[in-house]
Each structure stands twice: as structure tokens, then as C-alpha cells.
Amino acid sequence: MNRQEVMESIRDNVENANLIKHMLATEAIMQALARRMGEDENEWGLAGLLHDIDVELTEGDMASHSKLGADLARDLGASEAIANAILCHNETHGVAPETSMEKALFCSDPLTGLITAAVLVRPDKKLEGLEAKSVRKRFKEKSFAAGANREQIARCADIGLELDEFIAIGLEAMRGIAPHLGL
């Protein structure tokens, strides 16, 4: 499995441009976390890129979401480690994240939404000027980006990161692909 094949499958299965941007942002954060933790950047990145490939196919059915995604990933040649990370990022299935990659994907998924929302309220709507402390401040505002599950983001402690460091890593990763995110 390579990234080009994954992107082709995403184009075939995902129409929503914002969902694709979320998947790209998750890929970037997962790669940054893999670098930080001495893990396989390619494998972790592919887990992030593929994690929501089935959202439109399952039409928001959380009981099916990520089960189908894990199967699609396997069909593309993904390792069981990637498939399991995809499966357990959805709490509906009751499969707790156990490996570092699973835990990283679980907490990175909602972080992309919090960072994106923090950018979109800025006048320039650019990641370049956004500071991690601003994202941290928004984290404390429960009504801001309410869909970004704070408890899930805070589970970064499960991979040995303080929240401020995790936010900074995520923000820097997303800055690295800002043109692809339109931010």
C-alpha cells in the first residue's frame, strides 16, 4: 500500500472537500507524532489519512463507521495495526485504543477540528499566525468547536504528551501542509 493508492481510494469514496482536508490534517499530525516518538511515519500517516474513508459510505451510521473503514484499509493492503487504529478511533465499537498508534489517532482526530475552528475565527484565516496558546485558550471554551471532544484530545497524556505540547505538535504539523488545507 502506498500513499498514491490511498489518495485514489479517497477520491473514489469521499466527495466532501472538508472531510478530505480533515483526513490530510490527521495524516500530518500522525506523522509528526510518529517522528516525535520514533515510530514509522509512513504507517502512522496512512492510519491518519485513511481513518475516515468510510464516513460518507456509512452515511453517518456510527455503528458501521470505522468497521467499514478498517475493511477498506485492509483491502488496500494496510497492516492490521493500521486497520485496528482505524477501528478503535470510533468509541461506538467499545474497542479501547491500546497501541501507541491507536492512542495517537484517537486523540489526534478531534484536535484537527479544534485547530481548524481556531483558525477560521481569525481575520486572515491562516495557520501561520495562530499560536498554540490561542488554541489552548479555545480548548477551555467548551462551547467553541463543541464537536471537538476535549476528553478525547486530552488523552494525549496516554502517549506521554502534555496537552500544550500536543497542541503545538498538531499546529506545527498542520502548518506544514497549510496550502493543502486552504489555511
C-alpha atoms as a PDB file:
ATOM      1  CA  MET A   1       0.000   0.000   0.000  1.00  0.00           C
ATOM      2  CA  ASN A   2       1.297   3.413  -0.870  1.00  0.00           C
ATOM      3  CA  ARG A   3       0.011   6.919  -0.371  1.00  0.00           C
ATOM      4  CA  GLN A   4      -0.900   7.397  -4.035  1.00  0.00           C
ATOM      5  CA  GLU A   5      -3.177   4.335  -3.956  1.00  0.00           C
ATOM      6  CA  VAL A   6      -4.727   5.585  -0.731  1.00  0.00           C
ATOM      7  CA  MET A   7      -5.408   9.012  -2.248  1.00  0.00           C
ATOM      8  CA  GLU A   8      -7.032   7.380  -5.281  1.00  0.00           C
ATOM      9  CA  SER A   9      -9.302   5.387  -2.992  1.00  0.00           C
ATOM     10  CA  ILE A  10     -10.143   8.526  -1.013  1.00  0.00           C
ATOM     11  CA  ARG A  11     -11.080  10.333  -4.235  1.00  0.00           C
ATOM     12  CA  ASP A  12     -13.318   7.370  -5.125  1.00  0.00           C
ATOM     13  CA  ASN A  13     -15.019   7.228  -1.722  1.00  0.00           C
ATOM     14  CA  VAL A  14     -15.062  10.778  -0.339  1.00  0.00           C
ATOM     15  CA  GLU A  15     -16.703  13.751  -2.021  1.00  0.00           C
ATOM     16  CA  ASN A  16     -16.658  16.287   0.823  1.00  0.00           C
ATOM     17  CA  ALA A  17     -13.577  18.505   0.409  1.00  0.00           C
ATOM     18  CA  ASN A  18     -13.578  19.464   4.100  1.00  0.00           C
ATOM     19  CA  LEU A  19     -13.561  15.817   5.129  1.00  0.00           C
ATOM     20  CA  ILE A  20     -10.563  15.213   2.882  1.00  0.00           C
ATOM     21  CA  LYS A  21      -8.804  18.214   4.460  1.00  0.00           C
ATOM     22  CA  HIS A  22      -9.534  16.737   7.906  1.00  0.00           C
ATOM     23  CA  MET A  23      -8.023  13.435   6.799  1.00  0.00           C
ATOM     24  CA  LEU A  24      -4.920  15.220   5.447  1.00  0.00           C
ATOM     25  CA  ALA A  25      -4.560  17.166   8.699  1.00  0.00           C
ATOM     26  CA  THR A  26      -4.846  13.963  10.718  1.00  0.00           C
ATOM     27  CA  GLU A  27      -2.198  12.370   8.498  1.00  0.00           C
ATOM     28  CA  ALA A  28       0.172  15.285   9.123  1.00  0.00           C
ATOM     29  CA  ILE A  29      -0.324  15.171  12.892  1.00  0.00           C
ATOM     30  CA  MET A  30       0.136  11.414  12.980  1.00  0.00           C
ATOM     31  CA  GLN A  31       3.387  11.712  11.023  1.00  0.00           C
ATOM     32  CA  ALA A  32       4.634  14.384  13.419  1.00  0.00           C
ATOM     33  CA  LEU A  33       3.744  12.223  16.414  1.00  0.00           C
ATOM     34  CA  ALA A  34       5.498   9.223  14.867  1.00  0.00           C
ATOM     35  CA  ARG A  35       8.640  11.338  14.376  1.00  0.00           C
ATOM     36  CA  ARG A  36       8.434  12.545  17.975  1.00  0.00           C
ATOM     37  CA  MET A  37       8.008   9.012  19.286  1.00  0.00           C
ATOM     38  CA  GLY A  38      10.492   7.250  16.983  1.00  0.00           C
ATOM     39  CA  GLU A  39       7.766   5.301  15.173  1.00  0.00           C
ATOM     40  CA  ASP A  40       7.088   4.605  11.491  1.00  0.00           C
ATOM     41  CA  GLU A  41       5.946   7.921   9.966  1.00  0.00           C
ATOM     42  CA  ASN A  42       4.563   6.289   6.841  1.00  0.00           C
ATOM     43  CA  GLU A  43       2.442   3.763   8.728  1.00  0.00           C
ATOM     44  CA  TRP A  44       1.147   6.286  11.239  1.00  0.00           C
ATOM     45  CA  GLY A  45       0.462   8.816   8.481  1.00  0.00           C
ATOM     46  CA  LEU A  46      -1.517   6.297   6.455  1.00  0.00           C
ATOM     47  CA  ALA A  47      -3.612   5.460   9.521  1.00  0.00           C
ATOM     48  CA  GLY A  48      -4.442   9.154   9.874  1.00  0.00           C
ATOM     49  CA  LEU A  49      -5.143   9.575   6.191  1.00  0.00           C
ATOM     50  CA  LEU A  50      -7.458   6.557   5.996  1.00  0.00           C
ATOM     51  CA  HIS A  51      -9.272   6.847   9.325  1.00  0.00           C
ATOM     52  CA  ASP A  52     -12.459   8.473   7.943  1.00  0.00           C
ATOM     53  CA  ILE A  53     -12.528   6.973   4.438  1.00  0.00           C
ATOM     54  CA  ASP A  54     -15.922   5.405   5.153  1.00  0.00           C
ATOM     55  CA  VAL A  55     -17.789   8.390   6.638  1.00  0.00           C
ATOM     56  CA  GLU A  56     -19.837   9.099   3.521  1.00  0.00           C
ATOM     57  CA  LEU A  57     -20.259   5.414   2.670  1.00  0.00           C
ATOM     58  CA  THR A  58     -21.759   4.697   6.102  1.00  0.00           C
ATOM     59  CA  GLU A  59     -23.895   7.851   5.905  1.00  0.00           C
ATOM     60  CA  GLY A  60     -23.060   8.832   9.468  1.00  0.00           C
ATOM     61  CA  ASP A  61     -24.024   5.459  10.957  1.00  0.00           C
ATOM     62  CA  MET A  62     -21.579   5.315  13.853  1.00  0.00           C
ATOM     63  CA  ALA A  63     -22.245   1.592  14.337  1.00  0.00           C
ATOM     64  CA  SER A  64     -20.781   0.975  10.870  1.00  0.00           C
ATOM     65  CA  HIS A  65     -18.239   3.814  10.702  1.00  0.00           C
ATOM     66  CA  SER A  66     -14.659   2.651  11.106  1.00  0.00           C
ATOM     67  CA  LYS A  67     -15.614  -1.023  10.745  1.00  0.00           C
ATOM     68  CA  LEU A  68     -16.028  -0.477   7.020  1.00  0.00           C
ATOM     69  CA  GLY A  69     -13.019   1.864   7.078  1.00  0.00           C
ATOM     70  CA  ALA A  70     -10.827  -0.829   8.609  1.00  0.00           C
ATOM     71  CA  ASP A  71     -12.011  -3.278   5.948  1.00  0.00           C
ATOM     72  CA  LEU A  72     -11.332  -0.772   3.147  1.00  0.00           C
ATOM     73  CA  ALA A  73      -7.855  -0.185   4.565  1.00  0.00           C
ATOM     74  CA  ARG A  74      -7.179  -3.923   4.627  1.00  0.00           C
ATOM     75  CA  ASP A  75      -8.377  -4.187   1.008  1.00  0.00           C
ATOM     76  CA  LEU A  76      -5.796  -1.541   0.109  1.00  0.00           C
ATOM     77  CA  GLY A  77      -3.096  -3.628   1.791  1.00  0.00           C
ATOM     78  CA  ALA A  78      -2.927  -1.881   5.161  1.00  0.00           C
ATOM     79  CA  SER A  79      -1.369  -3.654   8.089  1.00  0.00           C
ATOM     80  CA  GLU A  80      -3.559  -4.946  10.906  1.00  0.00           C
ATOM     81  CA  ALA A  81      -2.005  -2.213  13.064  1.00  0.00           C
ATOM     82  CA  ILE A  82      -3.457   0.452  10.759  1.00  0.00           C
ATOM     83  CA  ALA A  83      -6.818  -1.331  10.473  1.00  0.00           C
ATOM     84  CA  ASN A  84      -7.078  -1.645  14.260  1.00  0.00           C
ATOM     85  CA  ALA A  85      -6.194   2.026  14.769  1.00  0.00           C
ATOM     86  CA  ILE A  86      -8.959   2.968  12.334  1.00  0.00           C
ATOM     87  CA  LEU A  87     -11.437   0.681  14.094  1.00  0.00           C
ATOM     88  CA  CYS A  88     -10.783   1.905  17.616  1.00  0.00           C
ATOM     89  CA  HIS A  89     -10.784   5.642  16.833  1.00  0.00           C
ATOM     90  CA  ASN A  90     -14.604   5.310  16.954  1.00  0.00           C
ATOM     91  CA  GLU A  91     -15.649   4.750  20.575  1.00  0.00           C
ATOM     92  CA  THR A  92     -19.010   3.296  19.491  1.00  0.00           C
ATOM     93  CA  HIS A  93     -17.409  -0.115  18.989  1.00  0.00           C
ATOM     94  CA  GLY A  94     -16.084  -0.309  22.532  1.00  0.00           C
ATOM     95  CA  VAL A  95     -12.590  -1.215  21.341  1.00  0.00           C
ATOM     96  CA  ALA A  96     -10.194   0.733  23.536  1.00  0.00           C
ATOM     97  CA  PRO A  97      -7.015   2.081  21.930  1.00  0.00           C
ATOM     98  CA  GLU A  98      -4.082   0.049  23.216  1.00  0.00           C
ATOM     99  CA  THR A  99      -1.048   0.641  20.996  1.00  0.00           C
ATOM    100  CA  SER A 100       0.735   3.966  20.690  1.00  0.00           C
ATOM    101  CA  MET A 101      -0.559   4.401  17.144  1.00  0.00           C
ATOM    102  CA  GLU A 102      -4.145   3.672  18.206  1.00  0.00           C
ATOM    103  CA  LYS A 103      -3.913   6.128  21.095  1.00  0.00           C
ATOM    104  CA  ALA A 104      -2.318   8.775  18.881  1.00  0.00           C
ATOM    105  CA  LEU A 105      -5.055   8.518  16.248  1.00  0.00           C
ATOM    106  CA  PHE A 106      -7.748   8.611  18.913  1.00  0.00           C
ATOM    107  CA  CYS A 107      -6.553  11.947  20.334  1.00  0.00           C
ATOM    108  CA  SER A 108      -5.408  13.485  17.029  1.00  0.00           C
ATOM    109  CA  ASP A 109      -8.733  13.076  15.237  1.00  0.00           C
ATOM    110  CA  PRO A 110     -10.604  15.777  17.207  1.00  0.00           C
ATOM    111  CA  LEU A 111      -7.534  18.026  17.532  1.00  0.00           C
ATOM    112  CA  THR A 112      -7.710  18.826  13.809  1.00  0.00           C
ATOM    113  CA  GLY A 113     -11.219  20.219  14.294  1.00  0.00           C
ATOM    114  CA  LEU A 114     -10.224  22.378  17.244  1.00  0.00           C
ATOM    115  CA  ILE A 115      -7.237  23.835  15.385  1.00  0.00           C
ATOM    116  CA  THR A 116      -9.269  24.401  12.216  1.00  0.00           C
ATOM    117  CA  ALA A 117     -12.019  26.177  14.162  1.00  0.00           C
ATOM    118  CA  ALA A 118      -9.406  28.348  15.915  1.00  0.00           C
ATOM    119  CA  VAL A 119      -8.036  29.361  12.504  1.00  0.00           C
ATOM    120  CA  LEU A 120     -11.414  30.095  10.976  1.00  0.00           C
ATOM    121  CA  VAL A 121     -12.306  32.706  13.620  1.00  0.00           C
ATOM    122  CA  ARG A 122      -9.132  34.650  12.816  1.00  0.00           C
ATOM    123  CA  PRO A 123      -9.475  37.554  10.372  1.00  0.00           C
ATOM    124  CA  ASP A 124      -6.830  36.135   7.991  1.00  0.00           C
ATOM    125  CA  LYS A 125      -7.963  32.508   8.388  1.00  0.00           C
ATOM    126  CA  LYS A 126      -4.317  31.376   8.190  1.00  0.00           C
ATOM    127  CA  LEU A 127      -2.445  28.844  10.302  1.00  0.00           C
ATOM    128  CA  GLU A 128       0.739  30.909  10.026  1.00  0.00           C
ATOM    129  CA  GLY A 129      -0.218  33.466  12.680  1.00  0.00           C
ATOM    130  CA  LEU A 130      -2.079  31.119  15.014  1.00  0.00           C
ATOM    131  CA  GLU A 131      -0.288  30.360  18.263  1.00  0.00           C
ATOM    132  CA  ALA A 132      -0.605  27.203  20.317  1.00  0.00           C
ATOM    133  CA  LYS A 133      -1.600  29.251  23.385  1.00  0.00           C
ATOM    134  CA  SER A 134      -4.598  30.594  21.438  1.00  0.00           C
ATOM    135  CA  VAL A 135      -5.696  27.049  20.609  1.00  0.00           C
ATOM    136  CA  ARG A 136      -5.198  26.120  24.277  1.00  0.00           C
ATOM    137  CA  LYS A 137      -7.399  29.048  25.311  1.00  0.00           C
ATOM    138  CA  ARG A 138     -10.095  27.883  22.881  1.00  0.00           C
ATOM    139  CA  PHE A 139      -9.747  24.353  24.290  1.00  0.00           C
ATOM    140  CA  LYS A 140     -11.025  25.695  27.610  1.00  0.00           C
ATOM    141  CA  GLU A 141     -14.115  27.224  25.958  1.00  0.00           C
ATOM    142  CA  LYS A 142     -16.496  24.263  25.940  1.00  0.00           C
ATOM    143  CA  SER A 143     -18.948  25.933  23.537  1.00  0.00           C
ATOM    144  CA  PHE A 144     -16.203  26.678  20.979  1.00  0.00           C
ATOM    145  CA  ALA A 145     -15.868  23.893  18.380  1.00  0.00           C
ATOM    146  CA  ALA A 146     -18.164  21.806  20.557  1.00  0.00           C
ATOM    147  CA  GLY A 147     -17.730  18.799  18.262  1.00  0.00           C
ATOM    148  CA  ALA A 148     -14.019  18.616  19.102  1.00  0.00           C
ATOM    149  CA  ASN A 149     -14.161  16.219  22.049  1.00  0.00           C
ATOM    150  CA  ARG A 150     -11.928  17.725  24.752  1.00  0.00           C
ATOM    151  CA  GLU A 151     -11.708  14.495  26.748  1.00  0.00           C
ATOM    152  CA  GLN A 152     -10.511  12.670  23.658  1.00  0.00           C
ATOM    153  CA  ILE A 153      -7.909  15.357  22.885  1.00  0.00           C
ATOM    154  CA  ALA A 154      -6.709  15.283  26.498  1.00  0.00           C
ATOM    155  CA  ARG A 155      -5.993  11.571  26.109  1.00  0.00           C
ATOM    156  CA  CYS A 156      -2.691  12.742  24.583  1.00  0.00           C
ATOM    157  CA  ALA A 157      -1.432  12.006  28.087  1.00  0.00           C
ATOM    158  CA  ASP A 158      -1.802   8.322  27.136  1.00  0.00           C
ATOM    159  CA  ILE A 159       1.040   8.783  24.633  1.00  0.00           C
ATOM    160  CA  GLY A 160       3.172  10.722  27.110  1.00  0.00           C
ATOM    161  CA  LEU A 161       2.414  14.248  25.946  1.00  0.00           C
ATOM    162  CA  GLU A 162       1.219  17.242  27.908  1.00  0.00           C
ATOM    163  CA  LEU A 163      -1.725  19.000  26.294  1.00  0.00           C
ATOM    164  CA  ASP A 164       0.261  22.143  25.423  1.00  0.00           C
ATOM    165  CA  GLU A 165       2.967  20.109  23.687  1.00  0.00           C
ATOM    166  CA  PHE A 166       0.380  18.041  21.828  1.00  0.00           C
ATOM    167  CA  ILE A 167      -1.389  21.146  20.573  1.00  0.00           C
ATOM    168  CA  ALA A 168       1.933  22.661  19.476  1.00  0.00           C
ATOM    169  CA  ILE A 169       2.899  19.496  17.580  1.00  0.00           C
ATOM    170  CA  GLY A 170      -0.514  19.366  15.902  1.00  0.00           C
ATOM    171  CA  LEU A 171      -0.454  23.030  14.965  1.00  0.00           C
ATOM    172  CA  GLU A 172       3.042  22.806  13.503  1.00  0.00           C
ATOM    173  CA  ALA A 173       2.115  19.681  11.537  1.00  0.00           C
ATOM    174  CA  MET A 174      -0.933  21.379  10.061  1.00  0.00           C
ATOM    175  CA  ARG A 175       1.141  24.490   9.220  1.00  0.00           C
ATOM    176  CA  GLY A 176       3.387  22.223   7.174  1.00  0.00           C
ATOM    177  CA  ILE A 177       0.506  21.368   4.844  1.00  0.00           C
ATOM    178  CA  ALA A 178      -1.410  24.663   5.119  1.00  0.00           C
ATOM    179  CA  PRO A 179      -1.764  25.140   1.334  1.00  0.00           C
ATOM    180  CA  HIS A 180      -3.474  21.725   1.058  1.00  0.00           C
ATOM    181  CA  LEU A 181      -5.842  22.703   3.855  1.00  0.00           C
ATOM    182  CA  GLY A 182      -6.624  26.129   2.409  1.00  0.00           C
ATOM    183  CA  LEU A 183      -5.457  27.630   5.697  1.00  0.00           C
END
